[in-house]
């Protein structure tokens, strides 16, 4: 099992920056295949923002955040980060971190299946809210 807790959400004006953190406990972070950040705006479905392989650090970004957001990790601290710059009102959402821990029996509820990036997320944090005003 792995427990995930997000930090760093808040309210910011358009053009501003925020840094989200996700602290993992329980099974070590290194046991995960990949982690990622997702968001869900009011009335919309959950979407991937960025993802990263735990080993090797290969990343994936949604087109809407490329060039503005950066995902990173500190495996020694079992922590995942999302640096968000040049924020826009459309970035307003609840942001969640998630992990792909294949050793667990918990079923995955979100999948990234691309030719260059495959993750199946089965553990989720409770979320942190980001509000961007114009």
C-alpha atoms as a PDB file:
ATOM      1  CA  UNK A   1       0.000   0.000   0.000  1.00  0.00           C
ATOM      2  CA  UNK A   2       1.020   3.588  -0.438  1.00  0.00           C
ATOM      3  CA  UNK A   3      -0.552   6.696   1.030  1.00  0.00           C
ATOM      4  CA  UNK A   4      -0.387   9.951  -0.896  1.00  0.00           C
ATOM      5  CA  UNK A   5      -0.896  13.447   0.526  1.00  0.00           C
ATOM      6  CA  UNK A   6      -0.877  16.553  -1.650  1.00  0.00           C
ATOM      7  CA  UNK A   7       0.252  20.012  -0.521  1.00  0.00           C
ATOM      8  CA  UNK A   8       0.613  23.432  -2.044  1.00  0.00           C
ATOM      9  CA  UNK A   9      -2.691  24.291  -3.616  1.00  0.00           C
ATOM     10  CA  UNK A  10      -4.161  27.746  -3.280  1.00  0.00           C
ATOM     11  CA  UNK A  11      -5.434  30.788  -5.091  1.00  0.00           C
ATOM     12  CA  UNK A  12      -3.333  32.757  -7.518  1.00  0.00           C
ATOM     13  CA  UNK A  13      -3.835  35.315 -10.249  1.00  0.00           C
ATOM     14  CA  UNK A  14      -3.387  34.446 -13.886  1.00  0.00           C
ATOM     15  CA  UNK A  15       0.264  34.408 -14.818  1.00  0.00           C
ATOM     16  CA  UNK A  16       1.310  33.344 -11.360  1.00  0.00           C
ATOM     17  CA  UNK A  17       2.982  30.180 -10.131  1.00  0.00           C
ATOM     18  CA  UNK A  18       2.339  27.417  -7.632  1.00  0.00           C
ATOM     19  CA  UNK A  19       4.290  24.347  -6.630  1.00  0.00           C
ATOM     20  CA  UNK A  20       2.414  21.241  -5.620  1.00  0.00           C
ATOM     21  CA  UNK A  21       3.996  18.489  -3.551  1.00  0.00           C
ATOM     22  CA  UNK A  22       2.859  14.930  -2.991  1.00  0.00           C
ATOM     23  CA  UNK A  23       4.324  13.007  -0.078  1.00  0.00           C
ATOM     24  CA  UNK A  24       4.202   9.213  -0.299  1.00  0.00           C
ATOM     25  CA  UNK A  25       4.274   6.922   2.716  1.00  0.00           C
ATOM     26  CA  UNK A  26       3.742   3.224   3.296  1.00  0.00           C
ATOM     27  CA  UNK A  27       5.401   1.166   0.614  1.00  0.00           C
ATOM     28  CA  UNK A  28       8.449   2.994  -0.592  1.00  0.00           C
ATOM     29  CA  UNK A  29       8.097   5.392  -3.474  1.00  0.00           C
ATOM     30  CA  UNK A  30      10.647   3.349  -5.351  1.00  0.00           C
ATOM     31  CA  UNK A  31       8.210   0.434  -5.495  1.00  0.00           C
ATOM     32  CA  UNK A  32       5.974   2.386  -7.843  1.00  0.00           C
ATOM     33  CA  UNK A  33       6.270   2.127 -11.593  1.00  0.00           C
ATOM     34  CA  UNK A  34       5.183   5.686 -12.179  1.00  0.00           C
ATOM     35  CA  UNK A  35       3.404   8.562 -10.498  1.00  0.00           C
ATOM     36  CA  UNK A  36       1.518  11.486 -11.835  1.00  0.00           C
ATOM     37  CA  UNK A  37      -0.608  14.553 -11.387  1.00  0.00           C
ATOM     38  CA  UNK A  38      -4.220  14.716 -12.468  1.00  0.00           C
ATOM     39  CA  UNK A  39      -6.910  17.342 -12.222  1.00  0.00           C
ATOM     40  CA  UNK A  40     -10.647  17.602 -12.244  1.00  0.00           C
ATOM     41  CA  UNK A  41     -12.467  20.841 -12.880  1.00  0.00           C
ATOM     42  CA  UNK A  42     -16.074  21.333 -11.776  1.00  0.00           C
ATOM     43  CA  UNK A  43     -18.418  19.447 -14.075  1.00  0.00           C
ATOM     44  CA  UNK A  44     -15.598  17.770 -15.970  1.00  0.00           C
ATOM     45  CA  UNK A  45     -13.887  14.425 -15.881  1.00  0.00           C
ATOM     46  CA  UNK A  46     -10.496  13.697 -14.416  1.00  0.00           C
ATOM     47  CA  UNK A  47      -7.606  14.292 -16.781  1.00  0.00           C
ATOM     48  CA  UNK A  48      -3.915  13.634 -16.658  1.00  0.00           C
ATOM     49  CA  UNK A  49      -1.689  16.682 -16.279  1.00  0.00           C
ATOM     50  CA  UNK A  50       1.758  15.116 -16.113  1.00  0.00           C
ATOM     51  CA  UNK A  51       3.302  11.769 -15.301  1.00  0.00           C
ATOM     52  CA  UNK A  52       6.753  10.404 -14.586  1.00  0.00           C
ATOM     53  CA  UNK A  53       8.396   7.007 -14.443  1.00  0.00           C
ATOM     54  CA  UNK A  54       9.843   6.436 -10.978  1.00  0.00           C
ATOM     55  CA  UNK A  55      12.929   4.784 -12.398  1.00  0.00           C
ATOM     56  CA  UNK A  56      14.580   6.790 -15.117  1.00  0.00           C
ATOM     57  CA  UNK A  57      12.413   9.873 -14.840  1.00  0.00           C
ATOM     58  CA  UNK A  58      10.809   9.775 -18.287  1.00  0.00           C
ATOM     59  CA  UNK A  59       7.952  12.268 -18.329  1.00  0.00           C
ATOM     60  CA  UNK A  60       4.664  12.815 -20.082  1.00  0.00           C
ATOM     61  CA  UNK A  61       2.682  16.061 -20.261  1.00  0.00           C
ATOM     62  CA  UNK A  62      -0.764  16.935 -21.463  1.00  0.00           C
ATOM     63  CA  UNK A  63      -0.626  19.318 -24.407  1.00  0.00           C
ATOM     64  CA  UNK A  64      -2.457  21.970 -22.398  1.00  0.00           C
ATOM     65  CA  UNK A  65       0.378  22.291 -19.865  1.00  0.00           C
ATOM     66  CA  UNK A  66       3.495  21.680 -21.975  1.00  0.00           C
ATOM     67  CA  UNK A  67       6.025  24.441 -21.488  1.00  0.00           C
ATOM     68  CA  UNK A  68       4.273  25.725 -18.364  1.00  0.00           C
ATOM     69  CA  UNK A  69       4.272  22.833 -15.898  1.00  0.00           C
ATOM     70  CA  UNK A  70       7.168  20.644 -14.775  1.00  0.00           C
ATOM     71  CA  UNK A  71       6.853  17.336 -12.966  1.00  0.00           C
ATOM     72  CA  UNK A  72       9.756  16.120 -10.852  1.00  0.00           C
ATOM     73  CA  UNK A  73      10.473  13.695  -8.057  1.00  0.00           C
ATOM     74  CA  UNK A  74      12.827  13.218  -5.144  1.00  0.00           C
ATOM     75  CA  UNK A  75      12.990   9.473  -4.649  1.00  0.00           C
ATOM     76  CA  UNK A  76      15.042   9.837  -1.470  1.00  0.00           C
ATOM     77  CA  UNK A  77      12.256  11.937   0.055  1.00  0.00           C
ATOM     78  CA  UNK A  78       9.417   9.870  -1.490  1.00  0.00           C
ATOM     79  CA  UNK A  79       8.012  13.092  -2.875  1.00  0.00           C
ATOM     80  CA  UNK A  80       6.520  14.119  -6.193  1.00  0.00           C
ATOM     81  CA  UNK A  81       6.332  17.738  -7.333  1.00  0.00           C
ATOM     82  CA  UNK A  82       4.480  19.784  -9.910  1.00  0.00           C
ATOM     83  CA  UNK A  83       5.821  23.250 -10.656  1.00  0.00           C
ATOM     84  CA  UNK A  84       3.099  25.266 -12.335  1.00  0.00           C
ATOM     85  CA  UNK A  85       4.040  28.519 -14.061  1.00  0.00           C
ATOM     86  CA  UNK A  86       2.079  30.942 -16.230  1.00  0.00           C
ATOM     87  CA  UNK A  87      -1.138  29.714 -14.696  1.00  0.00           C
ATOM     88  CA  UNK A  88      -4.396  30.336 -16.528  1.00  0.00           C
ATOM     89  CA  UNK A  89      -7.981  30.441 -15.258  1.00  0.00           C
ATOM     90  CA  UNK A  90      -8.614  27.181 -17.114  1.00  0.00           C
ATOM     91  CA  UNK A  91      -6.059  25.504 -14.842  1.00  0.00           C
ATOM     92  CA  UNK A  92      -8.530  25.897 -11.978  1.00  0.00           C
ATOM     93  CA  UNK A  93      -9.307  22.423 -10.647  1.00  0.00           C
ATOM     94  CA  UNK A  94      -8.770  19.930  -7.876  1.00  0.00           C
ATOM     95  CA  UNK A  95      -5.326  18.428  -8.393  1.00  0.00           C
ATOM     96  CA  UNK A  96      -4.567  14.854  -7.392  1.00  0.00           C
ATOM     97  CA  UNK A  97      -1.394  12.841  -7.311  1.00  0.00           C
ATOM     98  CA  UNK A  98      -1.534   9.154  -8.060  1.00  0.00           C
ATOM     99  CA  UNK A  99       0.760   6.153  -8.146  1.00  0.00           C
ATOM    100  CA  UNK A 100       1.041   2.929 -10.094  1.00  0.00           C
ATOM    101  CA  UNK A 101       1.964   0.242  -7.568  1.00  0.00           C
ATOM    102  CA  UNK A 102       1.732  -3.093  -9.372  1.00  0.00           C
ATOM    103  CA  UNK A 103       2.563  -5.163  -6.286  1.00  0.00           C
ATOM    104  CA  UNK A 104      -0.719  -4.127  -4.657  1.00  0.00           C
ATOM    105  CA  UNK A 105      -4.022  -5.922  -5.296  1.00  0.00           C
ATOM    106  CA  UNK A 106      -5.944  -2.671  -5.613  1.00  0.00           C
ATOM    107  CA  UNK A 107      -7.325  -2.234  -9.112  1.00  0.00           C
ATOM    108  CA  UNK A 108      -6.288   0.666 -11.275  1.00  0.00           C
ATOM    109  CA  UNK A 109      -8.846   3.339 -12.034  1.00  0.00           C
ATOM    110  CA  UNK A 110      -6.971   5.483 -14.531  1.00  0.00           C
ATOM    111  CA  UNK A 111      -4.761   4.408 -17.381  1.00  0.00           C
ATOM    112  CA  UNK A 112      -2.198   6.045 -19.603  1.00  0.00           C
ATOM    113  CA  UNK A 113      -1.589   3.794 -22.563  1.00  0.00           C
ATOM    114  CA  UNK A 114       0.625   5.350 -25.176  1.00  0.00           C
ATOM    115  CA  UNK A 115       3.341   3.853 -27.293  1.00  0.00           C
ATOM    116  CA  UNK A 116       5.939   5.683 -25.206  1.00  0.00           C
ATOM    117  CA  UNK A 117       4.278   5.802 -21.793  1.00  0.00           C
ATOM    118  CA  UNK A 118       2.169   3.204 -19.995  1.00  0.00           C
ATOM    119  CA  UNK A 119       0.882   3.575 -16.432  1.00  0.00           C
ATOM    120  CA  UNK A 120      -2.061   2.140 -14.503  1.00  0.00           C
ATOM    121  CA  UNK A 121      -2.870   4.216 -11.457  1.00  0.00           C
ATOM    122  CA  UNK A 122      -4.317   2.445  -8.432  1.00  0.00           C
ATOM    123  CA  UNK A 123      -3.537   4.776  -5.514  1.00  0.00           C
ATOM    124  CA  UNK A 124      -4.736   8.339  -5.162  1.00  0.00           C
ATOM    125  CA  UNK A 125      -4.365  11.261  -2.827  1.00  0.00           C
ATOM    126  CA  UNK A 126      -7.260  13.324  -1.535  1.00  0.00           C
ATOM    127  CA  UNK A 127      -6.475  16.302  -3.738  1.00  0.00           C
ATOM    128  CA  UNK A 128      -5.509  19.931  -3.337  1.00  0.00           C
ATOM    129  CA  UNK A 129      -7.466  22.783  -4.862  1.00  0.00           C
ATOM    130  CA  UNK A 130      -5.945  25.267  -7.280  1.00  0.00           C
ATOM    131  CA  UNK A 131      -7.874  28.410  -8.189  1.00  0.00           C
ATOM    132  CA  UNK A 132      -6.585  30.807 -10.831  1.00  0.00           C
ATOM    133  CA  UNK A 133      -8.350  34.140 -11.175  1.00  0.00           C
ATOM    134  CA  UNK A 134      -8.227  36.385 -14.207  1.00  0.00           C
END
